[in-house]
Protein backbone atom coordinates (compact mmCIF):
# COMPACT_ATOMS: atom_id res chain seq x y z
CA MET A 1 49.52 51.38 45.81
CA THR A 2 47.84 47.78 46.06
CA SER A 3 44.32 47.96 44.59
CA LEU A 4 40.99 47.23 46.67
CA PHE A 5 40.59 44.18 44.53
CA ALA A 6 44.07 42.85 45.40
CA ARG A 7 43.54 43.31 49.12
CA GLY A 8 40.02 41.85 48.92
CA ALA A 9 41.33 38.65 47.15
CA ARG A 10 44.18 37.87 49.35
CA ARG A 11 42.32 35.57 51.74
CA LEU A 12 40.56 33.76 48.90
CA SER A 13 43.86 33.46 47.03
CA LEU A 14 45.79 31.97 50.02
CA GLY A 15 42.85 29.34 50.59
CA HIS A 16 43.79 27.68 47.41
CA ILE A 17 46.96 26.34 48.81
CA GLN A 18 46.99 22.79 50.07
CA HIS A 19 49.93 20.66 51.72
CA LEU A 20 51.71 23.78 52.71
CA ALA A 21 50.92 26.57 55.34
CA ALA A 22 50.15 29.93 53.42
CA VAL A 23 52.22 32.84 54.22
CA PRO A 24 49.88 35.96 54.42
CA PRO A 25 50.84 39.53 53.38
CA PRO A 26 52.86 41.60 54.25
CA GLY A 27 55.48 39.10 54.91
CA SER A 28 59.08 40.15 55.49
CA GLY A 29 62.18 40.73 53.50
CA ALA A 30 62.19 39.12 49.94
CA VAL A 31 58.64 37.83 50.63
CA ALA A 32 57.22 41.18 51.30
CA ALA A 33 58.92 42.84 48.20
CA VAL A 34 57.66 40.06 45.80
CA TYR A 35 54.22 40.33 47.09
CA ARG A 36 53.96 43.87 46.84
CA GLN A 37 55.13 44.12 43.31
CA MET A 38 53.06 41.08 42.19
CA GLU A 39 49.93 42.75 43.66
CA ASN A 40 50.80 45.93 41.87
CA GLU A 41 51.73 44.35 38.43
CA PHE A 42 49.68 40.99 38.22
CA GLY A 43 46.67 42.52 39.76
CA MET A 44 46.39 39.94 42.91
CA LEU A 45 48.56 37.60 45.03
CA ALA A 46 48.78 34.87 42.71
CA PRO A 47 48.52 31.58 44.29
CA PRO A 48 50.73 29.71 41.96
CA VAL A 49 53.65 32.28 43.06
CA ALA A 50 52.58 32.57 46.78
CA LEU A 51 52.67 28.85 47.39
CA HIS A 52 56.57 29.23 47.25
CA ALA A 53 56.78 31.86 50.03
CA ALA A 54 58.08 29.44 52.73
CA ALA A 55 61.33 29.04 50.55
CA PRO A 56 62.11 32.91 49.79
CA GLU A 57 64.85 32.43 47.27
CA VAL A 58 62.41 29.99 45.25
CA LEU A 59 59.61 32.58 45.46
CA GLU A 60 61.83 35.31 44.08
CA ALA A 61 63.18 32.86 41.27
CA VAL A 62 59.69 32.02 40.05
CA TRP A 63 58.35 35.54 40.32
CA LEU A 64 61.54 36.87 38.41
CA ILE A 65 61.11 34.28 35.30
CA LEU A 66 57.33 34.95 35.33
CA ARG A 67 57.42 38.78 35.38
CA GLU A 68 60.22 38.96 32.81
CA THR A 69 58.38 36.41 30.27
CA LEU A 70 54.73 36.89 30.75
CA LEU A 71 54.50 40.37 32.25
CA ALA A 72 57.18 42.55 30.92
CA GLY A 73 57.15 44.11 27.45
CA ASP A 74 54.71 45.30 24.99
CA PRO A 75 51.17 44.80 26.14
CA GLY A 76 50.25 43.97 22.38
CA GLU A 77 52.03 40.77 22.76
CA ARG A 78 50.27 39.70 25.81
CA ALA A 79 47.55 37.69 24.05
CA GLY A 80 50.19 35.46 22.26
CA LYS A 81 51.97 34.93 25.73
CA GLU A 82 48.56 33.96 27.10
CA ALA A 83 47.80 31.53 24.50
CA MET A 84 51.17 29.73 25.15
CA ALA A 85 50.51 29.76 28.87
CA ALA A 86 47.03 28.38 28.43
CA ALA A 87 48.05 25.75 25.94
CA VAL A 88 51.03 24.45 27.81
CA SER A 89 48.76 24.19 30.89
CA PHE A 90 46.27 22.30 28.95
CA ALA A 91 49.01 19.85 27.63
CA ASN A 92 50.12 19.24 31.44
CA SER A 93 46.60 18.55 32.58
CA CYS A 94 46.51 21.64 34.85
CA PRO A 95 42.80 23.00 34.96
CA TYR A 96 43.75 25.68 37.60
CA CYS A 97 46.19 27.44 35.12
CA VAL A 98 43.99 26.75 32.08
CA GLU A 99 41.24 28.63 33.90
CA VAL A 100 43.55 31.56 35.21
CA HIS A 101 45.29 32.22 31.86
CA GLY A 102 42.35 31.31 29.76
CA ALA A 103 40.50 34.32 31.54
CA ALA A 104 43.57 36.63 30.95
CA LEU A 105 43.67 35.52 27.26
CA ILE A 106 39.90 36.34 26.88
CA GLY A 107 40.33 39.46 28.72
CA SER A 108 43.22 40.62 26.64
CA ARG A 109 41.75 39.40 23.44
CA PRO A 110 38.04 39.15 23.53
CA GLY A 111 36.49 36.81 21.04
CA GLY A 112 35.74 33.51 19.88
CA ASP A 113 39.40 32.65 19.15
CA ALA A 114 40.33 33.23 22.83
CA GLU A 115 37.48 30.95 24.15
CA LEU A 116 38.38 28.05 21.88
CA ILE A 117 42.13 28.28 23.17
CA ALA A 118 40.88 28.31 26.56
CA ALA A 119 38.80 25.15 26.03
CA GLY A 120 41.49 23.38 24.22
CA ARG A 121 39.95 23.51 20.73
CA ILE A 122 43.04 24.75 19.08
CA GLY A 123 42.40 23.45 15.60
CA GLU A 124 39.29 25.58 15.39
CA VAL A 125 40.97 29.08 16.18
CA ARG A 126 40.83 31.47 13.08
CA ASP A 127 43.74 33.79 13.86
CA ALA A 128 46.55 31.92 12.28
CA GLY A 129 49.22 33.52 14.71
CA LEU A 130 47.27 32.54 17.77
CA ARG A 131 46.43 29.17 16.43
CA SER A 132 50.18 28.52 15.60
CA THR A 133 51.38 29.88 19.03
CA ALA A 134 48.78 27.75 21.00
CA GLY A 135 49.70 24.65 18.93
CA TRP A 136 53.18 25.17 19.75
CA GLY A 137 52.54 25.21 23.59
CA ARG A 138 50.34 22.35 23.42
CA ASP A 139 52.42 20.21 21.18
CA GLY A 140 55.88 21.25 21.69
CA VAL A 141 56.76 21.95 18.20
CA ALA A 142 57.83 25.37 17.08
CA PRO A 143 56.33 26.80 13.90
CA ALA A 144 58.91 27.78 11.35
CA GLY A 145 60.26 31.32 10.70
CA LEU A 146 59.73 32.86 14.02
CA ASP A 147 61.73 35.92 14.99
CA PRO A 148 64.50 35.01 17.26
CA ARG A 149 63.36 37.63 20.05
CA ARG A 150 59.66 36.30 19.97
CA SER A 151 60.99 32.81 20.08
CA ALA A 152 63.14 33.58 23.12
CA VAL A 153 60.08 35.22 25.11
CA LEU A 154 57.35 32.55 24.17
CA THR A 155 59.82 29.61 25.03
CA GLY A 156 60.49 31.54 28.35
CA VAL A 157 56.85 31.58 28.96
CA GLY A 158 56.74 27.91 28.09
CA LEU A 159 59.38 27.27 30.62
CA ILE A 160 57.77 28.85 33.48
CA PHE A 161 54.47 27.27 32.77
CA HIS A 162 55.81 23.87 32.40
CA TYR A 163 57.18 24.62 35.90
CA LEU A 164 54.23 26.28 37.42
CA ASN A 165 51.58 23.64 36.16
CA ARG A 166 53.60 21.02 38.17
CA MET A 167 53.76 23.08 41.24
CA VAL A 168 49.92 24.08 40.98
CA ASN A 169 48.92 20.34 40.43
CA VAL A 170 50.58 19.44 43.70
CA PHE A 171 49.97 22.46 45.83
CA LEU A 172 46.69 24.15 44.64
CA LEU A 173 43.06 23.25 44.46
CA ASP A 174 41.80 22.06 41.08
CA SER A 175 40.21 25.38 40.33
CA PRO A 176 40.63 29.09 41.53
CA LEU A 177 36.69 29.11 41.70
CA ALA A 178 36.62 25.89 43.85
CA PRO A 179 36.15 27.95 47.24
CA ILE A 180 33.27 30.01 45.66
CA PRO A 181 29.64 28.49 45.92
CA PRO A 182 28.62 26.88 42.48
CA ARG A 183 26.03 29.52 42.01
CA GLY A 184 28.50 32.36 42.26
CA ARG A 185 31.10 30.91 39.94
CA VAL A 186 29.66 32.29 36.71
CA ALA A 187 29.97 35.80 38.16
CA GLY A 188 33.31 35.17 39.62
CA ARG A 189 34.67 33.96 36.03
CA ARG A 190 33.38 37.26 34.57
CA VAL A 191 35.23 39.22 37.30
CA ALA A 192 38.32 37.19 36.76
CA ILE A 193 38.10 37.86 33.00
CA ARG A 194 37.63 41.90 33.38
CA VAL A 195 40.44 42.09 36.16
CA MET A 196 43.01 39.84 34.39
CA GLY A 197 42.23 41.48 31.02
CA ARG A 198 43.01 44.98 32.54
CA PHE A 199 46.24 43.92 34.05
CA ALA A 200 47.20 42.30 30.83
CA ARG A 201 47.03 45.65 28.98
CA ALA A 202 49.33 47.40 31.62
CA VAL A 203 52.89 48.29 30.90
CA VAL A 204 55.37 46.41 32.95
CA PRO A 205 58.88 47.49 32.40
CA ALA A 206 61.38 44.83 31.70
CA GLY A 207 64.29 44.37 34.02
CA ALA A 208 62.87 45.76 36.96
CA ALA A 209 62.06 42.71 39.22
CA ALA A 210 62.05 43.31 43.04
CA VAL A 211 64.34 40.42 43.68
CA HIS A 212 68.00 40.13 44.67
CA LEU A 213 69.20 36.87 43.16
CA PRO A 214 72.88 36.88 42.11
CA PRO A 215 73.97 36.86 38.47
CA ARG A 216 74.58 33.88 36.88
CA ALA A 217 76.14 32.38 33.65
CA LEU A 218 73.59 31.15 31.06
CA PRO A 219 73.87 27.29 31.00
CA PRO A 220 73.78 25.61 27.47
CA ASP A 221 70.37 24.30 27.78
CA LEU A 222 68.87 27.92 28.43
CA ALA A 223 70.72 29.26 25.41
CA TRP A 224 67.56 29.76 23.59
CA SER A 225 66.83 32.85 25.87
CA SER A 226 69.96 34.68 24.71
CA PRO A 227 68.21 37.04 22.10
CA VAL A 228 66.53 38.81 24.82
CA ALA A 229 68.84 40.05 27.49
CA THR A 230 66.31 40.40 30.21
CA VAL A 231 64.93 37.08 29.70
CA ALA A 232 68.23 35.39 29.69
CA ASP A 233 69.28 37.09 32.90
CA ALA A 234 65.94 36.03 34.54
CA VAL A 235 66.11 32.30 33.37
CA ALA A 236 69.80 32.18 34.49
CA ARG A 237 69.41 33.50 37.81
CA GLY A 238 66.03 31.85 38.45
CA CYS A 239 66.76 28.45 37.38
CA GLY A 240 70.25 28.78 39.07
CA ALA A 241 68.54 29.73 42.47
CA ILE A 242 66.02 26.73 42.19
CA ALA A 243 68.90 24.24 41.21
CA GLY A 244 70.97 25.51 44.28
CA ALA A 245 67.90 25.36 46.71
CA GLY A 246 67.18 21.85 45.50
CA GLU A 247 70.92 20.65 46.05
CA ARG A 248 70.43 21.38 49.56
CA VAL A 249 67.49 19.02 50.11
CA VAL A 250 67.47 16.56 47.14
CA PRO A 251 69.66 13.38 47.75
CA ALA A 252 72.42 12.88 45.02
CA GLY A 253 71.06 9.58 44.01
CA VAL A 254 67.58 11.07 43.42
CA ARG A 255 69.03 13.90 41.37
CA ALA A 256 70.96 11.35 39.26
CA LEU A 257 67.97 9.19 38.81
CA LEU A 258 65.57 12.05 37.45
CA ALA A 259 68.45 13.46 35.28
CA GLU A 260 68.76 10.15 33.83
CA ARG A 261 65.12 9.77 33.03
CA LEU A 262 64.73 13.00 31.68
CA ALA A 263 67.77 12.54 29.34
CA ASP A 264 65.93 9.14 27.87
CA PRO A 265 63.84 10.22 24.85
CA ALA A 266 61.83 6.64 25.38
CA GLU A 267 60.66 7.60 28.87
CA SER A 268 57.11 8.63 28.56
CA GLY A 269 55.94 8.58 32.32
CA PRO A 270 53.95 6.34 34.41
CA GLY A 271 51.05 5.39 32.05
CA LEU A 272 48.19 3.42 33.74
CA ASP A 273 50.49 1.72 35.98
CA ILE A 274 51.77 4.19 38.30
CA HIS A 275 52.75 1.63 41.27
CA GLY A 276 54.81 -0.44 38.68
CA TRP A 277 56.41 2.38 37.11
CA LEU A 278 57.37 3.92 40.27
CA ALA A 279 58.80 0.51 41.61
CA GLY A 280 60.58 -0.12 38.45
CA ALA A 281 62.13 3.34 38.40
CA THR A 282 63.40 3.48 42.03
CA ARG A 283 64.56 -0.34 42.25
CA GLY A 284 68.20 -0.21 43.52
CA LEU A 285 68.07 3.00 45.60
CA PRO A 286 68.52 2.97 49.29
CA ALA A 287 65.05 2.42 51.09
CA ASP A 288 65.37 5.77 52.89
CA GLU A 289 65.62 7.49 49.42
CA ILE A 290 62.64 5.95 47.83
CA PRO A 291 59.94 8.23 49.11
CA ALA A 292 61.98 11.33 47.77
CA ALA A 293 62.54 9.54 44.35
CA ARG A 294 58.60 8.80 44.08
CA LEU A 295 57.75 12.27 44.75
CA ALA A 296 60.29 13.71 42.46
CA LEU A 297 59.42 11.31 39.60
CA LEU A 298 55.80 12.17 39.94
CA VAL A 299 56.30 15.86 39.95
CA ALA A 300 58.11 15.62 36.85
CA TYR A 301 56.10 13.36 34.91
CA ALA A 302 52.63 13.19 36.48
CA SER A 303 52.13 16.09 38.93
CA TYR A 304 48.40 15.71 38.75
CA ARG A 305 48.72 12.35 40.30
CA VAL A 306 50.69 13.39 43.32
CA THR A 307 48.56 12.97 46.60
CA GLY A 308 48.87 14.17 50.13
CA GLU A 309 50.17 10.70 51.04
CA HIS A 310 53.14 11.05 48.74
CA VAL A 311 54.07 14.46 50.33
CA ALA A 312 53.68 13.24 53.82
CA ALA A 313 55.74 10.12 52.98
CA TYR A 314 58.42 12.39 51.71
CA ARG A 315 58.31 14.54 54.74
CA ALA A 316 58.40 11.44 57.25
CA ALA A 317 61.43 9.93 55.30
CA VAL A 318 63.50 13.13 55.29
CA GLY A 319 63.06 14.33 58.88
CA GLY A 320 64.33 17.73 59.45
CA ASP A 321 64.33 18.68 55.87
CA GLY A 322 60.69 18.11 55.59
CA GLY A 323 59.33 21.44 56.78
CA ASP A 324 57.47 23.69 54.37
CA ASP A 325 60.47 25.42 53.19
CA GLY A 326 62.23 21.92 52.20
CA VAL A 327 59.25 20.63 50.59
CA VAL A 328 59.14 23.66 48.40
CA ARG A 329 62.78 23.42 47.47
CA PHE A 330 62.49 19.83 46.79
CA ALA A 331 59.31 19.84 44.52
CA GLY A 332 60.50 23.08 42.79
CA TRP A 333 63.77 21.36 41.76
CA ALA A 334 62.08 18.40 40.29
CA ALA A 335 59.41 20.69 38.67
CA MET A 336 62.15 22.81 37.07
CA ALA A 337 64.34 20.12 35.90
CA ALA A 338 61.19 18.85 34.05
CA ALA A 339 60.44 22.45 32.77
CA ARG A 340 63.93 23.01 31.62
CA SER A 341 64.04 19.72 29.70
CA ALA A 342 60.58 20.59 28.05
CA ALA A 343 61.82 24.17 26.93
CA ALA A 344 65.04 22.85 25.50
CA ALA A 345 62.73 20.40 23.44
CA MET A 346 60.39 23.33 22.32
CA ALA A 347 62.84 25.89 21.50
CA VAL A 348 63.21 26.84 17.92
CA PRO A 349 65.78 24.43 16.12
CA GLY A 350 69.01 25.97 14.40
CA ASP A 351 71.75 28.16 15.53
CA GLU A 352 70.13 31.62 15.39
CA ASN A 353 69.45 31.63 19.17
CA GLY A 354 72.26 29.35 20.31
CA VAL A 355 70.05 26.16 20.43
CA ARG A 356 71.69 22.94 18.80
CA ASN A 357 70.07 21.82 15.63
CA ARG A 358 67.73 18.77 15.97
């Protein structure tokens, strides 16, 4: 049964969404099933997931991967997962996710170390395990000697937060507390820590996500997930669904451009000259594909610099595919392409979990 807190938080949560029309509960079909399970297991209608509701198959994919990596399994491992989530979010300049998962970390592991990770002061963390995990999330370099199963789960958390950070930066407000008057934010943060901590201690059974995405073969770049069957199944099905959704709306030239950029180790993003970078990267594309290419590149490399003007230019250029469903599919495709590249880079090297030596 949905809690009173979850029902009461719905309006506030959906008010965080920008550039898209929020889809309120109960929804229907796949949306209703995901919303119901999310409120029961996560504690509330999480805006980073709910923003995908215009494209139900993308919503299902995101919930499946998030649930099977962050939520499912031993609650005793949740603090490490939240440390990974907060650190990846810090690295991606996503203050919204830092605040949410910093609160979940503090709620699941009270004390100074959790506060330090939430503040990005990872080098000061005294617990060696949390410091190592958070450093891995921030810097993308795996520590030595990790158990393959733990590596698979934490890399999965890294994957979904590299994805969510990009979508959140584009489609949500800067802070989950933004709609609350300033004088109420301290109390709001305390409530969030208490509620997120309580749900972080709950048992969520693996492999029971309320989604109906078809099975998929595990592609080579996701082989790091293979030591944990439920994680491997979730990332294969979820990433496959998002890739398939993107193929419906992303021009072939834009797909090729982003793939080429992500494969280039020298590509570091726009730096200070965002306009020059975008102009150089899109030179040679047909004029009608340039707005889509610009949005895809920014989502992948500098999501915190996407503006409403970029989204509007994309909508105007693509016409009938520019509805909320098309926008979610397009941005989700670009965000997951970048997230898969980041996860492959952060996975433990070696052949224990199927990842190539580096």
